[in-house]
Amino acid sequence: MTHAPQQSPKPPAPPYVAGHGLLTGRTVVVTAAAGAGIGAAVARRALEEGAAAVVLGDVHERRLAEAGTALGAEFGARRVASVVCDVTREDQVQALFEAAEPFGGVDVLVNNAGLGGTASVLDMEDEQWARVLDISLTGTLRCLRAAGRRMVARGRGGVVVNNTSVVGWRAQAGQAHYAAAKAGVMALTRCAAMDLAPHGIRVNAVSPSLAMHPHLAKVTTDAFLEELAAKEAFGRAGEPWEVANVVVFLASAYSSYMTGEVVAVSSQHA
């Protein structure tokens, strides 16, 4: 008589990690920082790690104002600024970085803005393709370029951390536009790192597999999210703050010899 193998219990998410002053005195700019996703987790984590100021950029005006007010109430209003920023608009990108100048200028940029969606290549319209690439890839370039020029002019180095995805490495049906954009961000990260290294500016990226938050649940189905979570070694999605911890590491002096790297934040089976 054979018995069906028992499923192993899913380990719970680990406890939240306290700050250790890894970004003390830095001015951090985070795109797509409103809401409850990775960007919001990075903004909070940066403040917990001692950032002198965090500048939040997001296209969602109401949500951005709420996020800025909440962080300001908790960490001090003088340490938080919010700027409505659509990364497809060069004028708004420039305004985002101008908002960092009263704090001494951008030291760390976290490029988190991106757009996904699901569509077969058989059904995908040019407009769908272009929209995803304009936000996820070209928007990353616009912000990286704006930050890089300011960092070079100031002459004291800096750090850029881009947010990409394991889909940039791995095939997934219906994700051609998103995967192409994220693979492009990986290539952009490597090449920009070589361009900026002579100026003491490091450029790296994180590549999460699945970080669960309410806004993600709104754009896909529960069944699909459960399928993705089942592929993870821990049997669960990552917490946004677990990705933010790796972003902070890449932004900190602990990763001083790393540039042009893409670090997977994933527990997916090989």
C-alpha atoms as a PDB file:
ATOM      1  CA  MET A   1       0.000   0.000   0.000  1.00  0.00           C
ATOM      2  CA  THR A   2       1.440   3.344  -0.976  1.00  0.00           C
ATOM      3  CA  HIS A   3       0.844   6.585   0.776  1.00  0.00           C
ATOM      4  CA  ALA A   4       0.765  10.008  -0.835  1.00  0.00           C
ATOM      5  CA  PRO A   5       3.691  12.129   0.299  1.00  0.00           C
ATOM      6  CA  GLN A   6       2.775  14.633   2.941  1.00  0.00           C
ATOM      7  CA  GLN A   7       3.276  18.263   2.117  1.00  0.00           C
ATOM      8  CA  SER A   8       5.819  20.022   4.253  1.00  0.00           C
ATOM      9  CA  PRO A   9       4.467  22.889   6.333  1.00  0.00           C
ATOM     10  CA  LYS A  10       5.127  26.358   4.974  1.00  0.00           C
ATOM     11  CA  PRO A  11       7.585  28.265   7.132  1.00  0.00           C
ATOM     12  CA  PRO A  12       6.250  31.653   8.234  1.00  0.00           C
ATOM     13  CA  ALA A  13       7.775  34.940   7.143  1.00  0.00           C
ATOM     14  CA  PRO A  14      10.710  35.883   9.357  1.00  0.00           C
ATOM     15  CA  PRO A  15      10.464  38.721  11.866  1.00  0.00           C
ATOM     16  CA  TYR A  16      11.068  42.243  10.644  1.00  0.00           C
ATOM     17  CA  VAL A  17      14.733  43.280  10.824  1.00  0.00           C
ATOM     18  CA  ALA A  18      15.657  46.410  12.767  1.00  0.00           C
ATOM     19  CA  GLY A  19      17.649  49.195  11.133  1.00  0.00           C
ATOM     20  CA  HIS A  20      21.414  49.421  11.547  1.00  0.00           C
ATOM     21  CA  GLY A  21      22.206  52.898  10.217  1.00  0.00           C
ATOM     22  CA  LEU A  22      23.326  51.625   6.813  1.00  0.00           C
ATOM     23  CA  LEU A  23      22.178  54.781   4.984  1.00  0.00           C
ATOM     24  CA  THR A  24      22.974  57.385   7.625  1.00  0.00           C
ATOM     25  CA  GLY A  25      23.137  60.866   6.145  1.00  0.00           C
ATOM     26  CA  ARG A  26      22.112  59.819   2.613  1.00  0.00           C
ATOM     27  CA  THR A  27      19.406  61.411   0.489  1.00  0.00           C
ATOM     28  CA  VAL A  28      17.406  58.658  -1.190  1.00  0.00           C
ATOM     29  CA  VAL A  29      15.049  59.085  -4.156  1.00  0.00           C
ATOM     30  CA  VAL A  30      12.537  56.269  -4.700  1.00  0.00           C
ATOM     31  CA  THR A  31      10.232  56.034  -7.714  1.00  0.00           C
ATOM     32  CA  ALA A  32       6.792  54.359  -7.489  1.00  0.00           C
ATOM     33  CA  ALA A  33       7.048  54.793  -3.723  1.00  0.00           C
ATOM     34  CA  ALA A  34       3.386  55.166  -2.787  1.00  0.00           C
ATOM     35  CA  GLY A  35       1.141  52.358  -1.667  1.00  0.00           C
ATOM     36  CA  ALA A  36       2.155  49.068  -0.097  1.00  0.00           C
ATOM     37  CA  GLY A  37       4.622  47.572  -2.568  1.00  0.00           C
ATOM     38  CA  ILE A  38       8.394  47.339  -2.834  1.00  0.00           C
ATOM     39  CA  GLY A  39       8.867  51.100  -3.361  1.00  0.00           C
ATOM     40  CA  ALA A  40       7.001  51.961  -0.176  1.00  0.00           C
ATOM     41  CA  ALA A  41       8.955  49.307   1.711  1.00  0.00           C
ATOM     42  CA  VAL A  42      12.235  50.760   0.405  1.00  0.00           C
ATOM     43  CA  ALA A  43      11.252  54.286   1.467  1.00  0.00           C
ATOM     44  CA  ARG A  44      10.435  53.108   4.992  1.00  0.00           C
ATOM     45  CA  ARG A  45      13.544  50.956   5.195  1.00  0.00           C
ATOM     46  CA  ALA A  46      15.755  53.866   4.075  1.00  0.00           C
ATOM     47  CA  LEU A  47      14.393  56.077   6.853  1.00  0.00           C
ATOM     48  CA  GLU A  48      14.848  53.282   9.386  1.00  0.00           C
ATOM     49  CA  GLU A  49      18.429  52.947   8.179  1.00  0.00           C
ATOM     50  CA  GLY A  50      19.144  56.586   8.984  1.00  0.00           C
ATOM     51  CA  ALA A  51      18.660  58.322   5.631  1.00  0.00           C
ATOM     52  CA  ALA A  52      18.775  62.077   6.060  1.00  0.00           C
ATOM     53  CA  ALA A  53      15.861  62.415   3.653  1.00  0.00           C
ATOM     54  CA  VAL A  54      13.724  60.344   1.329  1.00  0.00           C
ATOM     55  CA  VAL A  55      12.102  61.832  -1.775  1.00  0.00           C
ATOM     56  CA  LEU A  56       9.090  59.849  -2.931  1.00  0.00           C
ATOM     57  CA  GLY A  57       7.996  59.899  -6.557  1.00  0.00           C
ATOM     58  CA  ASP A  58       4.798  58.337  -7.865  1.00  0.00           C
ATOM     59  CA  VAL A  59       2.184  58.965 -10.542  1.00  0.00           C
ATOM     60  CA  HIS A  60      -0.703  58.357  -8.093  1.00  0.00           C
ATOM     61  CA  GLU A  61      -1.158  61.778  -6.496  1.00  0.00           C
ATOM     62  CA  ARG A  62      -3.572  60.873  -3.671  1.00  0.00           C
ATOM     63  CA  ARG A  63      -1.751  57.702  -2.683  1.00  0.00           C
ATOM     64  CA  LEU A  64       1.576  59.535  -2.811  1.00  0.00           C
ATOM     65  CA  ALA A  65       0.321  62.303  -0.518  1.00  0.00           C
ATOM     66  CA  GLU A  66      -0.957  59.731   1.957  1.00  0.00           C
ATOM     67  CA  ALA A  67       2.346  57.836   1.934  1.00  0.00           C
ATOM     68  CA  GLY A  68       4.381  61.014   2.408  1.00  0.00           C
ATOM     69  CA  THR A  69       2.179  62.237   5.243  1.00  0.00           C
ATOM     70  CA  ALA A  70       2.325  58.881   7.038  1.00  0.00           C
ATOM     71  CA  LEU A  71       6.111  58.594   6.778  1.00  0.00           C
ATOM     72  CA  GLY A  72       6.541  62.246   7.760  1.00  0.00           C
ATOM     73  CA  ALA A  73       4.418  61.744  10.876  1.00  0.00           C
ATOM     74  CA  GLU A  74       6.482  58.728  11.884  1.00  0.00           C
ATOM     75  CA  PHE A  75      10.003  59.824  10.949  1.00  0.00           C
ATOM     76  CA  GLY A  76       9.741  63.611  10.812  1.00  0.00           C
ATOM     77  CA  ALA A  77       8.214  65.754   8.090  1.00  0.00           C
ATOM     78  CA  ARG A  78      11.569  67.405   7.358  1.00  0.00           C
ATOM     79  CA  ARG A  79      12.969  64.040   6.232  1.00  0.00           C
ATOM     80  CA  VAL A  80      10.265  63.268   3.659  1.00  0.00           C
ATOM     81  CA  ALA A  81       9.330  64.963   0.386  1.00  0.00           C
ATOM     82  CA  SER A  82       6.774  63.827  -2.197  1.00  0.00           C
ATOM     83  CA  VAL A  83       6.690  64.708  -5.889  1.00  0.00           C
ATOM     84  CA  VAL A  84       4.151  63.530  -8.450  1.00  0.00           C
ATOM     85  CA  CYS A  85       6.259  61.890 -11.132  1.00  0.00           C
ATOM     86  CA  ASP A  86       5.313  60.028 -14.279  1.00  0.00           C
ATOM     87  CA  VAL A  87       8.606  58.480 -15.416  1.00  0.00           C
ATOM     88  CA  THR A  88       7.518  58.779 -19.061  1.00  0.00           C
ATOM     89  CA  ARG A  89       7.649  62.589 -18.671  1.00  0.00           C
ATOM     90  CA  GLU A  90      11.132  64.104 -18.725  1.00  0.00           C
ATOM     91  CA  ASP A  91       9.944  67.333 -17.089  1.00  0.00           C
ATOM     92  CA  GLN A  92       8.465  65.421 -14.157  1.00  0.00           C
ATOM     93  CA  VAL A  93      11.606  63.316 -13.798  1.00  0.00           C
ATOM     94  CA  GLN A  94      13.669  66.515 -13.581  1.00  0.00           C
ATOM     95  CA  ALA A  95      11.285  67.923 -10.972  1.00  0.00           C
ATOM     96  CA  LEU A  96      11.702  64.779  -8.876  1.00  0.00           C
ATOM     97  CA  PHE A  97      15.457  65.238  -8.631  1.00  0.00           C
ATOM     98  CA  GLU A  98      15.181  68.975  -8.113  1.00  0.00           C
ATOM     99  CA  ALA A  99      13.195  68.128  -4.978  1.00  0.00           C
ATOM    100  CA  ALA A 100      16.278  66.367  -3.603  1.00  0.00           C
ATOM    101  CA  GLU A 101      18.482  69.457  -3.924  1.00  0.00           C
ATOM    102  CA  PRO A 102      17.378  71.131  -0.648  1.00  0.00           C
ATOM    103  CA  PHE A 103      18.605  67.965   1.097  1.00  0.00           C
ATOM    104  CA  GLY A 104      22.024  68.155  -0.577  1.00  0.00           C
ATOM    105  CA  GLY A 105      21.154  66.304  -3.771  1.00  0.00           C
ATOM    106  CA  VAL A 106      20.486  62.665  -4.555  1.00  0.00           C
ATOM    107  CA  ASP A 107      22.927  60.124  -3.076  1.00  0.00           C
ATOM    108  CA  VAL A 108      20.885  57.000  -3.784  1.00  0.00           C
ATOM    109  CA  LEU A 109      18.330  56.399  -6.538  1.00  0.00           C
ATOM    110  CA  VAL A 110      16.010  53.409  -6.341  1.00  0.00           C
ATOM    111  CA  ASN A 111      14.357  52.884  -9.726  1.00  0.00           C
ATOM    112  CA  ASN A 112      11.189  51.037  -8.814  1.00  0.00           C
ATOM    113  CA  ALA A 113       8.635  52.290 -11.363  1.00  0.00           C
ATOM    114  CA  GLY A 114       7.333  49.574 -13.673  1.00  0.00           C
ATOM    115  CA  LEU A 115       4.241  48.312 -15.444  1.00  0.00           C
ATOM    116  CA  GLY A 116       3.206  44.724 -16.082  1.00  0.00           C
ATOM    117  CA  GLY A 117       0.225  42.968 -17.591  1.00  0.00           C
ATOM    118  CA  THR A 118      -0.612  39.697 -19.285  1.00  0.00           C
ATOM    119  CA  ALA A 119      -1.032  39.251 -23.028  1.00  0.00           C
ATOM    120  CA  SER A 120      -0.016  36.654 -25.575  1.00  0.00           C
ATOM    121  CA  VAL A 121       2.276  37.885 -28.337  1.00  0.00           C
ATOM    122  CA  LEU A 122      -0.516  36.810 -30.708  1.00  0.00           C
ATOM    123  CA  ASP A 123      -2.865  39.370 -29.205  1.00  0.00           C
ATOM    124  CA  MET A 124      -0.499  42.095 -28.041  1.00  0.00           C
ATOM    125  CA  GLU A 125      -0.977  45.494 -29.634  1.00  0.00           C
ATOM    126  CA  ASP A 126       1.901  47.859 -30.346  1.00  0.00           C
ATOM    127  CA  GLU A 127       0.466  50.263 -27.791  1.00  0.00           C
ATOM    128  CA  GLN A 128       0.559  47.620 -25.022  1.00  0.00           C
ATOM    129  CA  TRP A 129       4.146  46.741 -25.844  1.00  0.00           C
ATOM    130  CA  ALA A 130       5.279  50.354 -26.051  1.00  0.00           C
ATOM    131  CA  ARG A 131       3.570  51.378 -22.809  1.00  0.00           C
ATOM    132  CA  VAL A 132       5.245  48.657 -20.748  1.00  0.00           C
ATOM    133  CA  LEU A 133       8.673  49.375 -22.235  1.00  0.00           C
ATOM    134  CA  ASP A 134       8.294  53.143 -21.872  1.00  0.00           C
ATOM    135  CA  ILE A 135       7.581  52.893 -18.146  1.00  0.00           C
ATOM    136  CA  SER A 136       9.633  49.871 -17.120  1.00  0.00           C
ATOM    137  CA  LEU A 137      12.729  50.307 -19.307  1.00  0.00           C
ATOM    138  CA  THR A 138      12.894  53.814 -20.748  1.00  0.00           C
ATOM    139  CA  GLY A 139      11.552  55.293 -17.503  1.00  0.00           C
ATOM    140  CA  THR A 140      14.416  53.585 -15.679  1.00  0.00           C
ATOM    141  CA  LEU A 141      16.852  55.153 -18.131  1.00  0.00           C
ATOM    142  CA  ARG A 142      15.335  58.628 -17.706  1.00  0.00           C
ATOM    143  CA  CYS A 143      15.700  58.511 -13.932  1.00  0.00           C
ATOM    144  CA  LEU A 144      19.141  56.906 -14.008  1.00  0.00           C
ATOM    145  CA  ARG A 145      20.364  59.535 -16.462  1.00  0.00           C
ATOM    146  CA  ALA A 146      18.976  62.422 -14.419  1.00  0.00           C
ATOM    147  CA  ALA A 147      20.477  61.105 -11.183  1.00  0.00           C
ATOM    148  CA  GLY A 148      23.771  60.178 -12.816  1.00  0.00           C
ATOM    149  CA  ARG A 149      24.304  63.637 -14.298  1.00  0.00           C
ATOM    150  CA  ARG A 150      23.714  65.249 -10.913  1.00  0.00           C
ATOM    151  CA  MET A 151      25.992  62.794  -9.134  1.00  0.00           C
ATOM    152  CA  VAL A 152      28.788  63.355 -11.652  1.00  0.00           C
ATOM    153  CA  ALA A 153      28.462  67.149 -11.398  1.00  0.00           C
ATOM    154  CA  ARG A 154      28.588  66.991  -7.608  1.00  0.00           C
ATOM    155  CA  GLY A 155      31.653  64.750  -7.655  1.00  0.00           C
ATOM    156  CA  ARG A 156      31.103  62.630  -4.564  1.00  0.00           C
ATOM    157  CA  GLY A 157      29.815  59.420  -6.110  1.00  0.00           C
ATOM    158  CA  GLY A 158      26.464  57.788  -5.551  1.00  0.00           C
ATOM    159  CA  VAL A 159      24.450  54.613  -5.959  1.00  0.00           C
ATOM    160  CA  VAL A 160      21.655  53.499  -8.272  1.00  0.00           C
ATOM    161  CA  VAL A 161      19.592  50.384  -7.561  1.00  0.00           C
ATOM    162  CA  ASN A 162      17.194  49.245 -10.288  1.00  0.00           C
ATOM    163  CA  ASN A 163      14.253  46.923  -9.725  1.00  0.00           C
ATOM    164  CA  THR A 164      13.952  44.202 -12.337  1.00  0.00           C
ATOM    165  CA  SER A 165      12.402  40.703 -12.170  1.00  0.00           C
ATOM    166  CA  VAL A 166      13.295  37.026 -12.481  1.00  0.00           C
ATOM    167  CA  VAL A 167      11.017  37.086 -15.539  1.00  0.00           C
ATOM    168  CA  GLY A 168      13.913  38.852 -17.264  1.00  0.00           C
ATOM    169  CA  TRP A 169      15.740  35.515 -17.025  1.00  0.00           C
ATOM    170  CA  ARG A 170      12.919  32.961 -17.156  1.00  0.00           C
ATOM    171  CA  ALA A 171      10.201  32.304 -19.723  1.00  0.00           C
ATOM    172  CA  GLN A 172       6.603  32.894 -18.675  1.00  0.00           C
ATOM    173  CA  ALA A 173       3.566  32.823 -20.940  1.00  0.00           C
ATOM    174  CA  GLY A 174       1.855  36.144 -21.492  1.00  0.00           C
ATOM    175  CA  GLN A 175       4.791  38.172 -20.210  1.00  0.00           C
ATOM    176  CA  ALA A 176       6.765  38.956 -23.384  1.00  0.00           C
ATOM    177  CA  HIS A 177       6.528  42.749 -23.001  1.00  0.00           C
ATOM    178  CA  TYR A 178       7.277  42.758 -19.272  1.00  0.00           C
ATOM    179  CA  ALA A 179      10.082  40.200 -19.617  1.00  0.00           C
ATOM    180  CA  ALA A 180      11.672  42.121 -22.479  1.00  0.00           C
ATOM    181  CA  ALA A 181      11.545  45.328 -20.437  1.00  0.00           C
ATOM    182  CA  LYS A 182      13.047  43.699 -17.351  1.00  0.00           C
ATOM    183  CA  ALA A 183      15.760  41.942 -19.345  1.00  0.00           C
ATOM    184  CA  GLY A 184      16.498  45.366 -20.807  1.00  0.00           C
ATOM    185  CA  VAL A 185      16.822  46.825 -17.308  1.00  0.00           C
ATOM    186  CA  MET A 186      19.363  44.113 -16.490  1.00  0.00           C
ATOM    187  CA  ALA A 187      21.417  45.003 -19.572  1.00  0.00           C
ATOM    188  CA  LEU A 188      21.031  48.720 -18.832  1.00  0.00           C
ATOM    189  CA  THR A 189      22.293  48.099 -15.294  1.00  0.00           C
ATOM    190  CA  ARG A 190      25.437  46.353 -16.502  1.00  0.00           C
ATOM    191  CA  CYS A 191      26.289  48.919 -19.185  1.00  0.00           C
ATOM    192  CA  ALA A 192      25.458  51.984 -17.084  1.00  0.00           C
ATOM    193  CA  ALA A 193      27.683  50.589 -14.342  1.00  0.00           C
ATOM    194  CA  MET A 194      30.642  50.697 -16.740  1.00  0.00           C
ATOM    195  CA  ASP A 195      29.805  54.253 -17.851  1.00  0.00           C
ATOM    196  CA  LEU A 196      29.530  55.565 -14.288  1.00  0.00           C
ATOM    197  CA  ALA A 197      32.276  53.596 -12.531  1.00  0.00           C
ATOM    198  CA  PRO A 198      34.985  56.198 -13.376  1.00  0.00           C
ATOM    199  CA  HIS A 199      32.883  58.719 -11.437  1.00  0.00           C
ATOM    200  CA  GLY A 200      32.621  56.534  -8.343  1.00  0.00           C
ATOM    201  CA  ILE A 201      28.941  55.751  -8.988  1.00  0.00           C
ATOM    202  CA  ARG A 202      27.723  52.188  -8.577  1.00  0.00           C
ATOM    203  CA  VAL A 203      24.741  50.715 -10.444  1.00  0.00           C
ATOM    204  CA  ASN A 204      23.187  47.399  -9.409  1.00  0.00           C
ATOM    205  CA  ALA A 205      19.759  45.764  -9.557  1.00  0.00           C
ATOM    206  CA  VAL A 206      17.510  43.470  -7.572  1.00  0.00           C
ATOM    207  CA  SER A 207      15.520  40.769  -9.332  1.00  0.00           C
ATOM    208  CA  PRO A 208      12.581  39.643  -7.165  1.00  0.00           C
ATOM    209  CA  SER A 209      10.496  36.603  -8.004  1.00  0.00           C
ATOM    210  CA  LEU A 210       7.291  37.307  -6.087  1.00  0.00           C
ATOM    211  CA  ALA A 211       6.702  39.962  -3.429  1.00  0.00           C
ATOM    212  CA  MET A 212       3.100  40.075  -2.310  1.00  0.00           C
ATOM    213  CA  HIS A 213       1.209  43.317  -1.713  1.00  0.00           C
ATOM    214  CA  PRO A 214      -2.395  44.491  -2.168  1.00  0.00           C
ATOM    215  CA  HIS A 215      -1.813  46.302  -5.466  1.00  0.00           C
ATOM    216  CA  LEU A 216      -0.391  43.144  -7.045  1.00  0.00           C
ATOM    217  CA  ALA A 217      -3.509  41.223  -6.065  1.00  0.00           C
ATOM    218  CA  LYS A 218      -5.627  43.789  -7.950  1.00  0.00           C
ATOM    219  CA  VAL A 219      -3.970  43.174 -11.320  1.00  0.00           C
ATOM    220  CA  THR A 220      -3.947  39.373 -11.413  1.00  0.00           C
ATOM    221  CA  THR A 221      -5.918  36.390 -10.131  1.00  0.00           C
ATOM    222  CA  ASP A 222      -5.622  34.626  -6.782  1.00  0.00           C
ATOM    223  CA  ALA A 223      -5.127  31.321  -8.611  1.00  0.00           C
ATOM    224  CA  PHE A 224      -2.153  32.679 -10.565  1.00  0.00           C
ATOM    225  CA  LEU A 225      -0.568  34.138  -7.433  1.00  0.00           C
ATOM    226  CA  GLU A 226      -1.026  30.817  -5.620  1.00  0.00           C
ATOM    227  CA  GLU A 227       0.626  29.048  -8.557  1.00  0.00           C
ATOM    228  CA  LEU A 228       3.611  31.393  -8.395  1.00  0.00           C
ATOM    229  CA  ALA A 229       3.920  31.054  -4.619  1.00  0.00           C
ATOM    230  CA  ALA A 230       3.909  27.245  -4.934  1.00  0.00           C
ATOM    231  CA  LYS A 231       7.079  27.483  -7.049  1.00  0.00           C
ATOM    232  CA  GLU A 232       8.947  29.187  -4.228  1.00  0.00           C
ATOM    233  CA  ALA A 233      11.097  26.992  -1.990  1.00  0.00           C
ATOM    234  CA  PHE A 234       9.470  28.466   1.112  1.00  0.00           C
ATOM    235  CA  GLY A 235       5.985  27.978  -0.309  1.00  0.00           C
ATOM    236  CA  ARG A 236       5.139  31.640   0.127  1.00  0.00           C
ATOM    237  CA  ALA A 237       5.625  34.971  -1.590  1.00  0.00           C
ATOM    238  CA  GLY A 238       8.297  37.296  -0.303  1.00  0.00           C
ATOM    239  CA  GLU A 239       7.414  40.288   1.797  1.00  0.00           C
ATOM    240  CA  PRO A 240       8.148  43.673   0.155  1.00  0.00           C
ATOM    241  CA  TRP A 241      10.460  44.527   3.059  1.00  0.00           C
ATOM    242  CA  GLU A 242      12.539  41.416   2.320  1.00  0.00           C
ATOM    243  CA  VAL A 243      13.269  42.852  -1.125  1.00  0.00           C
ATOM    244  CA  ALA A 244      13.853  46.288   0.430  1.00  0.00           C
ATOM    245  CA  ASN A 245      16.524  44.806   2.696  1.00  0.00           C
ATOM    246  CA  VAL A 246      18.540  43.729  -0.340  1.00  0.00           C
ATOM    247  CA  VAL A 247      18.038  47.145  -1.948  1.00  0.00           C
ATOM    248  CA  VAL A 248      19.431  48.761   1.206  1.00  0.00           C
ATOM    249  CA  PHE A 249      22.419  46.416   1.151  1.00  0.00           C
ATOM    250  CA  LEU A 250      23.185  47.390  -2.456  1.00  0.00           C
ATOM    251  CA  ALA A 251      22.773  51.081  -1.584  1.00  0.00           C
ATOM    252  CA  SER A 252      25.059  50.833   1.434  1.00  0.00           C
ATOM    253  CA  ALA A 253      28.815  50.727   1.895  1.00  0.00           C
ATOM    254  CA  TYR A 254      28.574  46.990   2.566  1.00  0.00           C
ATOM    255  CA  SER A 255      28.395  46.444  -1.212  1.00  0.00           C
ATOM    256  CA  SER A 256      31.154  48.934  -2.087  1.00  0.00           C
ATOM    257  CA  TYR A 257      32.887  46.592  -4.574  1.00  0.00           C
ATOM    258  CA  MET A 258      29.698  45.574  -6.379  1.00  0.00           C
ATOM    259  CA  THR A 259      28.591  47.257  -9.589  1.00  0.00           C
ATOM    260  CA  GLY A 260      26.826  45.993 -12.690  1.00  0.00           C
ATOM    261  CA  GLU A 261      25.339  43.107 -10.704  1.00  0.00           C
ATOM    262  CA  VAL A 262      21.777  41.767 -10.726  1.00  0.00           C
ATOM    263  CA  VAL A 263      20.938  40.107  -7.423  1.00  0.00           C
ATOM    264  CA  ALA A 264      18.020  37.650  -7.378  1.00  0.00           C
ATOM    265  CA  VAL A 265      15.716  38.015  -4.380  1.00  0.00           C
ATOM    266  CA  SER A 266      14.017  34.702  -4.837  1.00  0.00           C
ATOM    267  CA  SER A 267      13.459  31.267  -3.360  1.00  0.00           C
ATOM    268  CA  GLN A 268      12.313  29.653  -6.588  1.00  0.00           C
ATOM    269  CA  HIS A 269      13.413  26.102  -7.275  1.00  0.00           C
ATOM    270  CA  ALA A 270      16.269  25.894  -9.763  1.00  0.00           C
END
